[in-house]
């Protein structure tokens, strides 16, 4: 997936710093909201380990979003955003299809890792088209933060015990019609 696939309405060559900050805030909100939805779904299915990890990712994304909002307000006050969430889709948010009620904590972490890598690819790909110097600087910082998130998730994966020969999803059946 390229940046154009996940944000088809964004003209990266004409992107202003205000719009880039608004876009970054929206990306963090989308990821935060999706992690929150997934955690709630997993709790419903009594999958506490995976839900706990997704809840942690909600906090990570919210902290990142809040820092971007603070930066935006410092530079542009309360000016109305010119970009909306309808201009992007799953830039950093985990894909719904990637989550299963019976997923293991390792699988939850792997899903988050894919999402953080997806966000890194988005910003690094967008950098190739950005013209505005301040937007380049912001997107370079965002790439670095996504790399930090990738390392965080990789660290969490490394602390888990090695998976057994069979994962829960290897032996579970899909629901059968009643």
N, C-alpha and C. Protein backbone atom coordinates (compact mmCIF):
# COMPACT_ATOMS: atom_id res chain seq x y z
N UNK A 1 0.84 -1.18 0.00
CA UNK A 1 0.00 0.00 0.00
C UNK A 1 0.89 1.24 0.00
N UNK A 2 0.59 2.18 -0.84
CA UNK A 2 1.33 3.43 -0.89
C UNK A 2 0.57 4.49 -0.11
N UNK A 3 1.21 5.63 0.09
CA UNK A 3 0.51 6.70 0.79
C UNK A 3 -0.74 7.12 0.05
N UNK A 4 -0.73 7.04 -1.27
CA UNK A 4 -1.89 7.43 -2.07
C UNK A 4 -3.07 6.50 -1.82
N UNK A 5 -2.79 5.24 -1.53
CA UNK A 5 -3.87 4.28 -1.27
C UNK A 5 -4.61 4.60 0.03
N UNK A 6 -3.90 5.02 1.05
CA UNK A 6 -4.52 5.26 2.35
C UNK A 6 -4.94 6.70 2.56
N UNK A 7 -4.55 7.59 1.66
CA UNK A 7 -4.96 9.01 1.75
C UNK A 7 -5.11 9.57 0.34
N UNK A 8 -6.08 9.06 -0.43
CA UNK A 8 -6.18 9.44 -1.84
C UNK A 8 -6.51 10.91 -2.09
N UNK A 9 -7.09 11.59 -1.13
CA UNK A 9 -7.48 12.98 -1.34
C UNK A 9 -6.43 14.00 -0.93
N UNK A 10 -5.26 13.56 -0.55
CA UNK A 10 -4.22 14.47 -0.05
C UNK A 10 -3.22 14.77 -1.17
N UNK A 11 -3.00 16.05 -1.43
CA UNK A 11 -1.97 16.48 -2.37
C UNK A 11 -0.73 16.81 -1.54
N UNK A 12 0.18 15.86 -1.44
CA UNK A 12 1.35 16.02 -0.58
C UNK A 12 2.28 17.13 -1.06
N UNK A 13 2.28 17.41 -2.33
CA UNK A 13 3.14 18.49 -2.85
C UNK A 13 2.68 19.86 -2.38
N UNK A 14 1.38 20.02 -2.15
CA UNK A 14 0.83 21.31 -1.74
C UNK A 14 0.54 21.38 -0.24
N UNK A 15 0.85 20.35 0.50
CA UNK A 15 0.52 20.27 1.92
C UNK A 15 1.21 21.35 2.73
N UNK A 16 0.43 22.09 3.51
CA UNK A 16 0.99 23.10 4.41
C UNK A 16 1.31 22.45 5.75
N UNK A 17 2.06 23.15 6.59
CA UNK A 17 2.39 22.60 7.90
C UNK A 17 1.13 22.40 8.73
N UNK A 18 0.22 23.36 8.70
CA UNK A 18 -1.03 23.23 9.46
C UNK A 18 -1.79 21.99 9.01
N UNK A 19 -1.91 21.83 7.70
CA UNK A 19 -2.63 20.66 7.18
C UNK A 19 -1.90 19.36 7.51
N UNK A 20 -0.59 19.38 7.48
CA UNK A 20 0.20 18.18 7.80
C UNK A 20 0.00 17.81 9.28
N UNK A 21 -0.03 18.80 10.14
CA UNK A 21 -0.28 18.54 11.57
C UNK A 21 -1.69 17.99 11.76
N UNK A 22 -2.66 18.59 11.07
CA UNK A 22 -4.03 18.09 11.18
C UNK A 22 -4.12 16.65 10.70
N UNK A 23 -3.46 16.36 9.60
CA UNK A 23 -3.44 15.00 9.06
C UNK A 23 -2.82 14.03 10.07
N UNK A 24 -1.71 14.41 10.64
CA UNK A 24 -1.03 13.56 11.63
C UNK A 24 -1.92 13.32 12.85
N UNK A 25 -2.62 14.35 13.30
CA UNK A 25 -3.54 14.20 14.43
C UNK A 25 -4.64 13.20 14.07
N UNK A 26 -5.19 13.34 12.88
CA UNK A 26 -6.26 12.44 12.44
C UNK A 26 -5.78 10.99 12.34
N UNK A 27 -4.56 10.81 11.89
CA UNK A 27 -3.99 9.45 11.79
C UNK A 27 -3.87 8.83 13.17
N UNK A 28 -3.40 9.61 14.14
CA UNK A 28 -3.28 9.11 15.51
C UNK A 28 -4.65 8.82 16.10
N UNK A 29 -5.62 9.69 15.82
CA UNK A 29 -6.98 9.46 16.33
C UNK A 29 -7.57 8.18 15.75
N UNK A 30 -7.38 7.98 14.45
CA UNK A 30 -7.91 6.78 13.81
C UNK A 30 -7.29 5.53 14.44
N UNK A 31 -5.98 5.54 14.64
CA UNK A 31 -5.31 4.39 15.26
C UNK A 31 -5.79 4.19 16.69
N UNK A 32 -5.86 5.28 17.45
CA UNK A 32 -6.32 5.19 18.84
C UNK A 32 -7.73 4.59 18.90
N UNK A 33 -8.61 5.12 18.07
CA UNK A 33 -10.00 4.66 18.08
C UNK A 33 -10.10 3.19 17.68
N UNK A 34 -9.32 2.78 16.69
CA UNK A 34 -9.37 1.38 16.26
C UNK A 34 -8.84 0.46 17.36
N UNK A 35 -7.73 0.84 18.00
CA UNK A 35 -7.20 0.03 19.09
C UNK A 35 -8.24 -0.08 20.21
N UNK A 36 -8.93 1.02 20.47
CA UNK A 36 -9.96 1.02 21.51
C UNK A 36 -11.10 0.06 21.16
N UNK A 37 -11.54 0.09 19.92
CA UNK A 37 -12.60 -0.82 19.46
C UNK A 37 -12.14 -2.27 19.58
N UNK A 38 -10.91 -2.54 19.16
CA UNK A 38 -10.40 -3.90 19.19
C UNK A 38 -10.26 -4.40 20.63
N UNK A 39 -9.79 -3.54 21.51
CA UNK A 39 -9.66 -3.94 22.92
C UNK A 39 -11.02 -4.28 23.50
N UNK A 40 -12.02 -3.48 23.19
CA UNK A 40 -13.38 -3.74 23.69
C UNK A 40 -13.91 -5.07 23.14
N UNK A 41 -13.68 -5.32 21.86
CA UNK A 41 -14.13 -6.59 21.26
C UNK A 41 -13.45 -7.78 21.93
N UNK A 42 -12.16 -7.65 22.15
CA UNK A 42 -11.42 -8.76 22.75
C UNK A 42 -11.83 -9.00 24.20
N UNK A 43 -12.13 -7.91 24.92
CA UNK A 43 -12.62 -8.08 26.29
C UNK A 43 -13.96 -8.80 26.30
N UNK A 44 -14.81 -8.48 25.34
CA UNK A 44 -16.10 -9.17 25.22
C UNK A 44 -15.92 -10.67 25.08
N UNK A 45 -14.84 -11.07 24.42
CA UNK A 45 -14.56 -12.48 24.21
C UNK A 45 -13.60 -13.05 25.26
N UNK A 46 -13.42 -12.29 26.34
CA UNK A 46 -12.59 -12.72 27.47
C UNK A 46 -11.14 -12.98 27.09
N UNK A 47 -10.64 -12.21 26.13
CA UNK A 47 -9.25 -12.32 25.71
C UNK A 47 -8.50 -11.14 26.35
N UNK A 48 -8.20 -11.29 27.62
CA UNK A 48 -7.64 -10.18 28.40
C UNK A 48 -6.22 -9.78 27.99
N UNK A 49 -5.37 -10.75 27.64
CA UNK A 49 -3.99 -10.43 27.29
C UNK A 49 -3.92 -9.56 26.03
N UNK A 50 -4.61 -9.96 24.99
CA UNK A 50 -4.61 -9.18 23.76
C UNK A 50 -5.30 -7.84 23.99
N UNK A 51 -6.41 -7.84 24.73
CA UNK A 51 -7.13 -6.60 25.02
C UNK A 51 -6.24 -5.64 25.82
N UNK A 52 -5.49 -6.17 26.76
CA UNK A 52 -4.59 -5.34 27.58
C UNK A 52 -3.54 -4.66 26.69
N UNK A 53 -3.00 -5.42 25.73
CA UNK A 53 -2.01 -4.81 24.86
C UNK A 53 -2.64 -3.72 24.00
N UNK A 54 -3.80 -3.98 23.41
CA UNK A 54 -4.44 -2.96 22.58
C UNK A 54 -4.81 -1.73 23.41
N UNK A 55 -5.19 -1.92 24.67
CA UNK A 55 -5.47 -0.79 25.55
C UNK A 55 -4.20 0.04 25.78
N UNK A 56 -3.08 -0.64 25.89
CA UNK A 56 -1.79 0.07 26.02
C UNK A 56 -1.52 0.89 24.77
N UNK A 57 -1.81 0.32 23.59
CA UNK A 57 -1.60 1.05 22.34
C UNK A 57 -2.54 2.26 22.24
N UNK A 58 -3.73 2.18 22.84
CA UNK A 58 -4.63 3.34 22.89
C UNK A 58 -3.90 4.48 23.58
N UNK A 59 -3.26 4.19 24.71
CA UNK A 59 -2.54 5.24 25.46
C UNK A 59 -1.36 5.79 24.66
N UNK A 60 -0.62 4.92 23.97
CA UNK A 60 0.53 5.35 23.16
C UNK A 60 0.06 6.31 22.06
N UNK A 61 -0.99 5.91 21.36
CA UNK A 61 -1.50 6.74 20.26
C UNK A 61 -2.07 8.05 20.80
N UNK A 62 -2.73 8.01 21.94
CA UNK A 62 -3.30 9.24 22.51
C UNK A 62 -2.20 10.20 22.95
N UNK A 63 -1.14 9.69 23.53
CA UNK A 63 -0.02 10.56 23.92
C UNK A 63 0.58 11.24 22.69
N UNK A 64 0.75 10.48 21.64
CA UNK A 64 1.30 11.03 20.40
C UNK A 64 0.35 12.07 19.81
N UNK A 65 -0.95 11.76 19.81
CA UNK A 65 -1.95 12.69 19.29
C UNK A 65 -1.95 13.99 20.10
N UNK A 66 -1.92 13.88 21.42
CA UNK A 66 -1.95 15.06 22.28
C UNK A 66 -0.73 15.95 22.04
N UNK A 67 0.43 15.36 21.83
CA UNK A 67 1.64 16.15 21.55
C UNK A 67 1.50 16.88 20.22
N UNK A 68 0.92 16.22 19.23
CA UNK A 68 0.72 16.88 17.93
C UNK A 68 -0.31 18.00 18.03
N UNK A 69 -1.37 17.79 18.80
CA UNK A 69 -2.39 18.83 19.00
C UNK A 69 -1.76 20.04 19.68
N UNK A 70 -0.94 19.79 20.68
CA UNK A 70 -0.28 20.88 21.40
C UNK A 70 0.61 21.69 20.45
N UNK A 71 1.37 21.00 19.63
CA UNK A 71 2.24 21.66 18.66
C UNK A 71 1.42 22.48 17.66
N UNK A 72 0.33 21.88 17.18
CA UNK A 72 -0.53 22.56 16.22
C UNK A 72 -1.14 23.83 16.82
N UNK A 73 -1.65 23.72 18.05
CA UNK A 73 -2.27 24.87 18.71
C UNK A 73 -1.26 25.97 19.00
N UNK A 74 -0.03 25.58 19.32
CA UNK A 74 1.02 26.56 19.57
C UNK A 74 1.32 27.37 18.31
N UNK A 75 1.31 26.69 17.16
CA UNK A 75 1.64 27.35 15.89
C UNK A 75 0.45 28.03 15.23
N UNK A 76 -0.74 27.43 15.36
CA UNK A 76 -1.88 27.90 14.57
C UNK A 76 -3.13 28.20 15.38
N UNK A 77 -3.01 28.16 16.70
CA UNK A 77 -4.16 28.46 17.53
C UNK A 77 -5.31 27.51 17.25
N UNK A 78 -6.49 28.06 17.21
CA UNK A 78 -7.69 27.24 17.00
C UNK A 78 -8.25 27.35 15.58
N UNK A 79 -7.37 27.63 14.62
CA UNK A 79 -7.82 27.70 13.23
C UNK A 79 -8.48 26.39 12.83
N UNK A 80 -9.52 26.51 12.05
CA UNK A 80 -10.28 25.34 11.62
C UNK A 80 -9.43 24.47 10.68
N UNK A 81 -9.45 23.14 10.89
CA UNK A 81 -8.71 22.24 10.00
C UNK A 81 -9.29 22.25 8.58
N UNK A 82 -8.43 22.07 7.61
CA UNK A 82 -8.85 21.99 6.21
C UNK A 82 -8.88 20.55 5.72
N UNK A 83 -8.35 19.62 6.52
CA UNK A 83 -8.37 18.20 6.14
C UNK A 83 -9.27 17.46 7.12
N UNK A 84 -9.93 16.43 6.63
CA UNK A 84 -10.83 15.64 7.46
C UNK A 84 -10.46 14.18 7.43
N UNK A 85 -11.01 13.45 8.35
CA UNK A 85 -10.70 12.03 8.49
C UNK A 85 -11.15 11.22 7.28
N UNK A 86 -12.11 11.76 6.54
CA UNK A 86 -12.57 11.05 5.33
C UNK A 86 -11.49 10.99 4.26
N UNK A 87 -10.41 11.76 4.42
CA UNK A 87 -9.33 11.77 3.44
C UNK A 87 -8.31 10.66 3.68
N UNK A 88 -8.49 9.88 4.74
CA UNK A 88 -7.53 8.82 5.00
C UNK A 88 -8.23 7.56 5.44
N UNK A 89 -7.54 6.45 5.29
CA UNK A 89 -8.10 5.17 5.69
C UNK A 89 -6.99 4.22 6.11
N UNK A 90 -7.05 3.80 7.36
CA UNK A 90 -6.12 2.81 7.91
C UNK A 90 -4.66 3.12 7.63
N UNK A 91 -4.28 4.38 7.83
CA UNK A 91 -2.88 4.74 7.67
C UNK A 91 -2.05 4.02 8.73
N UNK A 92 -2.52 4.08 9.96
CA UNK A 92 -1.81 3.42 11.05
C UNK A 92 -2.72 2.44 11.79
N UNK A 93 -4.00 2.59 11.64
CA UNK A 93 -4.95 1.74 12.35
C UNK A 93 -4.83 0.29 11.91
N UNK A 94 -4.91 -0.63 12.87
CA UNK A 94 -4.90 -2.05 12.50
C UNK A 94 -6.12 -2.36 11.63
N UNK A 95 -5.94 -3.27 10.72
CA UNK A 95 -7.05 -3.68 9.87
C UNK A 95 -7.99 -4.57 10.69
N UNK A 96 -9.29 -4.38 10.49
CA UNK A 96 -10.27 -5.18 11.23
C UNK A 96 -10.06 -6.67 11.01
N UNK A 97 -9.73 -7.06 9.81
CA UNK A 97 -9.57 -8.47 9.48
C UNK A 97 -8.38 -9.12 10.20
N UNK A 98 -7.49 -8.31 10.72
CA UNK A 98 -6.29 -8.85 11.36
C UNK A 98 -6.54 -9.33 12.78
N UNK A 99 -7.71 -9.01 13.33
CA UNK A 99 -7.98 -9.30 14.73
C UNK A 99 -9.03 -10.41 14.83
N UNK A 100 -8.73 -11.37 15.69
CA UNK A 100 -9.67 -12.47 15.96
C UNK A 100 -9.90 -12.55 17.45
N UNK A 101 -11.07 -12.99 17.82
CA UNK A 101 -11.41 -13.08 19.25
C UNK A 101 -10.47 -13.99 20.01
N UNK A 102 -9.93 -15.01 19.34
CA UNK A 102 -9.07 -15.98 20.02
C UNK A 102 -7.58 -15.73 19.78
N UNK A 103 -7.24 -14.53 19.35
CA UNK A 103 -5.83 -14.26 19.06
C UNK A 103 -5.01 -14.26 20.34
N UNK A 104 -3.76 -14.62 20.20
CA UNK A 104 -2.84 -14.62 21.33
C UNK A 104 -2.26 -13.22 21.50
N UNK A 105 -1.61 -13.02 22.62
CA UNK A 105 -0.93 -11.74 22.84
C UNK A 105 0.13 -11.52 21.76
N UNK A 106 0.83 -12.59 21.38
CA UNK A 106 1.84 -12.49 20.33
C UNK A 106 1.19 -12.03 19.02
N UNK A 107 0.03 -12.56 18.70
CA UNK A 107 -0.66 -12.15 17.48
C UNK A 107 -1.13 -10.70 17.57
N UNK A 108 -1.56 -10.27 18.74
CA UNK A 108 -1.95 -8.87 18.94
C UNK A 108 -0.75 -7.96 18.71
N UNK A 109 0.38 -8.35 19.27
CA UNK A 109 1.60 -7.57 19.08
C UNK A 109 2.02 -7.54 17.62
N UNK A 110 1.90 -8.66 16.94
CA UNK A 110 2.25 -8.71 15.52
C UNK A 110 1.33 -7.81 14.70
N UNK A 111 0.06 -7.76 15.06
CA UNK A 111 -0.88 -6.87 14.38
C UNK A 111 -0.47 -5.41 14.59
N UNK A 112 -0.12 -5.07 15.82
CA UNK A 112 0.32 -3.70 16.10
C UNK A 112 1.61 -3.38 15.37
N UNK A 113 2.51 -4.34 15.30
CA UNK A 113 3.78 -4.13 14.59
C UNK A 113 3.51 -3.83 13.11
N UNK A 114 2.62 -4.57 12.51
CA UNK A 114 2.26 -4.31 11.11
C UNK A 114 1.69 -2.91 10.94
N UNK A 115 0.89 -2.48 11.90
CA UNK A 115 0.28 -1.14 11.83
C UNK A 115 1.32 -0.05 11.96
N UNK A 116 2.25 -0.21 12.87
CA UNK A 116 3.30 0.80 13.04
C UNK A 116 4.21 0.85 11.82
N UNK A 117 4.49 -0.30 11.23
CA UNK A 117 5.29 -0.32 10.00
C UNK A 117 4.54 0.35 8.86
N UNK A 118 3.24 0.14 8.82
CA UNK A 118 2.40 0.75 7.79
C UNK A 118 2.45 2.28 7.92
N UNK A 119 2.38 2.78 9.15
CA UNK A 119 2.46 4.23 9.38
C UNK A 119 3.82 4.78 8.97
N UNK A 120 4.88 4.03 9.31
CA UNK A 120 6.22 4.46 8.91
C UNK A 120 6.31 4.55 7.38
N UNK A 121 5.82 3.54 6.68
CA UNK A 121 5.86 3.55 5.20
C UNK A 121 5.04 4.71 4.65
N UNK A 122 3.92 5.01 5.28
CA UNK A 122 3.09 6.13 4.84
C UNK A 122 3.88 7.43 4.88
N UNK A 123 4.45 7.75 6.05
CA UNK A 123 5.17 9.01 6.19
C UNK A 123 6.44 9.05 5.35
N UNK A 124 7.16 7.95 5.28
CA UNK A 124 8.39 7.96 4.48
C UNK A 124 8.05 8.07 2.99
N UNK A 125 6.98 7.44 2.56
CA UNK A 125 6.54 7.55 1.17
C UNK A 125 6.06 8.98 0.87
N UNK A 126 5.31 9.55 1.78
CA UNK A 126 4.81 10.92 1.60
C UNK A 126 5.97 11.91 1.51
N UNK A 127 7.04 11.64 2.24
CA UNK A 127 8.21 12.53 2.22
C UNK A 127 8.77 12.72 0.82
N UNK A 128 8.62 11.72 -0.02
CA UNK A 128 9.12 11.81 -1.39
C UNK A 128 8.38 12.87 -2.20
N UNK A 129 7.19 13.25 -1.76
CA UNK A 129 6.35 14.17 -2.53
C UNK A 129 6.20 15.54 -1.86
N UNK A 130 6.55 15.63 -0.59
CA UNK A 130 6.38 16.88 0.16
C UNK A 130 7.35 17.93 -0.36
N UNK A 131 6.84 19.15 -0.54
CA UNK A 131 7.66 20.26 -1.02
C UNK A 131 8.04 21.22 0.11
N UNK A 132 7.13 21.46 1.02
CA UNK A 132 7.30 22.44 2.10
C UNK A 132 8.34 21.94 3.11
N UNK A 133 9.34 22.76 3.39
CA UNK A 133 10.45 22.37 4.28
C UNK A 133 9.95 21.98 5.67
N UNK A 134 9.03 22.76 6.24
CA UNK A 134 8.53 22.45 7.58
C UNK A 134 7.73 21.15 7.61
N UNK A 135 7.03 20.84 6.53
CA UNK A 135 6.29 19.59 6.45
C UNK A 135 7.28 18.42 6.35
N UNK A 136 8.35 18.61 5.58
CA UNK A 136 9.40 17.58 5.50
C UNK A 136 9.97 17.29 6.89
N UNK A 137 10.23 18.36 7.63
CA UNK A 137 10.76 18.20 8.99
C UNK A 137 9.78 17.44 9.86
N UNK A 138 8.50 17.82 9.81
CA UNK A 138 7.48 17.14 10.61
C UNK A 138 7.38 15.67 10.23
N UNK A 139 7.31 15.36 8.93
CA UNK A 139 7.17 13.98 8.51
C UNK A 139 8.41 13.17 8.84
N UNK A 140 9.58 13.79 8.82
CA UNK A 140 10.81 13.11 9.24
C UNK A 140 10.72 12.77 10.72
N UNK A 141 10.20 13.70 11.54
CA UNK A 141 10.01 13.44 12.97
C UNK A 141 8.99 12.32 13.18
N UNK A 142 7.92 12.34 12.39
CA UNK A 142 6.90 11.30 12.52
C UNK A 142 7.44 9.93 12.13
N UNK A 143 8.30 9.89 11.11
CA UNK A 143 8.95 8.63 10.74
C UNK A 143 9.77 8.11 11.92
N UNK A 144 10.51 9.00 12.57
CA UNK A 144 11.33 8.61 13.72
C UNK A 144 10.45 8.10 14.86
N UNK A 145 9.32 8.74 15.09
CA UNK A 145 8.42 8.29 16.15
C UNK A 145 7.81 6.94 15.82
N UNK A 146 7.47 6.72 14.57
CA UNK A 146 6.93 5.41 14.18
C UNK A 146 8.00 4.34 14.35
N UNK A 147 9.25 4.66 14.04
CA UNK A 147 10.34 3.70 14.29
C UNK A 147 10.46 3.38 15.78
N UNK A 148 10.25 4.40 16.61
CA UNK A 148 10.27 4.20 18.06
C UNK A 148 9.14 3.26 18.47
N UNK A 149 7.95 3.45 17.89
CA UNK A 149 6.82 2.57 18.19
C UNK A 149 7.11 1.14 17.72
N UNK A 150 7.75 1.02 16.57
CA UNK A 150 8.12 -0.30 16.05
C UNK A 150 9.06 -0.99 17.04
N UNK A 151 10.05 -0.26 17.53
CA UNK A 151 10.99 -0.84 18.50
C UNK A 151 10.28 -1.22 19.80
N UNK A 152 9.31 -0.40 20.23
CA UNK A 152 8.53 -0.70 21.44
C UNK A 152 7.81 -2.03 21.28
N UNK A 153 7.13 -2.21 20.15
CA UNK A 153 6.37 -3.44 19.93
C UNK A 153 7.33 -4.63 19.77
N UNK A 154 8.43 -4.43 19.06
CA UNK A 154 9.41 -5.51 18.91
C UNK A 154 9.96 -5.92 20.28
N UNK A 155 10.17 -4.95 21.14
CA UNK A 155 10.64 -5.26 22.50
C UNK A 155 9.63 -6.08 23.28
N UNK A 156 8.36 -5.73 23.13
CA UNK A 156 7.30 -6.49 23.79
C UNK A 156 7.23 -7.92 23.23
N UNK A 157 7.39 -8.05 21.92
CA UNK A 157 7.39 -9.38 21.31
C UNK A 157 8.56 -10.21 21.84
N UNK A 158 9.71 -9.58 21.99
CA UNK A 158 10.91 -10.29 22.43
C UNK A 158 10.78 -10.80 23.86
N UNK A 159 10.00 -10.13 24.69
CA UNK A 159 9.86 -10.55 26.08
C UNK A 159 8.91 -11.73 26.26
N UNK A 160 8.10 -12.01 25.24
CA UNK A 160 7.15 -13.12 25.33
C UNK A 160 7.89 -14.45 25.18
N UNK A 161 7.38 -15.49 25.83
CA UNK A 161 7.98 -16.80 25.61
C UNK A 161 7.77 -17.23 24.16
N UNK A 162 8.66 -18.06 23.68
CA UNK A 162 8.53 -18.56 22.31
C UNK A 162 7.19 -19.27 22.17
N UNK A 163 6.55 -19.12 21.03
CA UNK A 163 5.26 -19.80 20.86
C UNK A 163 5.46 -21.31 20.78
N UNK A 164 4.44 -22.02 21.24
CA UNK A 164 4.48 -23.48 21.15
C UNK A 164 4.29 -23.91 19.70
N UNK A 165 4.31 -25.20 19.48
CA UNK A 165 4.16 -25.68 18.11
C UNK A 165 2.81 -25.33 17.50
N UNK A 166 1.80 -25.17 18.35
CA UNK A 166 0.47 -24.81 17.85
C UNK A 166 -0.04 -23.58 18.58
N UNK A 167 -0.53 -22.65 17.82
CA UNK A 167 -1.19 -21.47 18.40
C UNK A 167 -2.67 -21.82 18.57
N UNK A 168 -3.38 -21.06 19.39
CA UNK A 168 -4.81 -21.31 19.61
C UNK A 168 -5.58 -21.29 18.30
N UNK A 169 -5.21 -20.39 17.39
CA UNK A 169 -5.94 -20.29 16.12
C UNK A 169 -5.62 -21.44 15.19
N UNK A 170 -4.55 -22.19 15.47
CA UNK A 170 -4.22 -23.35 14.63
C UNK A 170 -5.18 -24.51 14.88
N UNK A 171 -5.80 -24.55 16.05
CA UNK A 171 -6.66 -25.67 16.40
C UNK A 171 -8.11 -25.28 16.63
N UNK A 172 -8.42 -24.00 16.48
CA UNK A 172 -9.79 -23.57 16.69
C UNK A 172 -10.58 -23.67 15.41
N UNK A 173 -11.86 -23.84 15.55
CA UNK A 173 -12.75 -23.93 14.39
C UNK A 173 -13.47 -22.61 14.21
N UNK A 174 -13.78 -22.32 12.97
CA UNK A 174 -14.62 -21.17 12.70
C UNK A 174 -16.02 -21.49 13.20
N UNK A 175 -16.80 -20.47 13.55
CA UNK A 175 -18.16 -20.72 14.01
C UNK A 175 -18.96 -21.48 12.95
N UNK A 176 -19.75 -22.42 13.40
CA UNK A 176 -20.59 -23.20 12.49
C UNK A 176 -22.01 -22.66 12.52
N UNK A 177 -22.70 -22.72 11.39
CA UNK A 177 -24.08 -22.23 11.39
C UNK A 177 -24.94 -23.10 12.31
N UNK A 178 -25.89 -22.50 12.95
CA UNK A 178 -26.77 -23.22 13.89
C UNK A 178 -28.04 -23.66 13.22
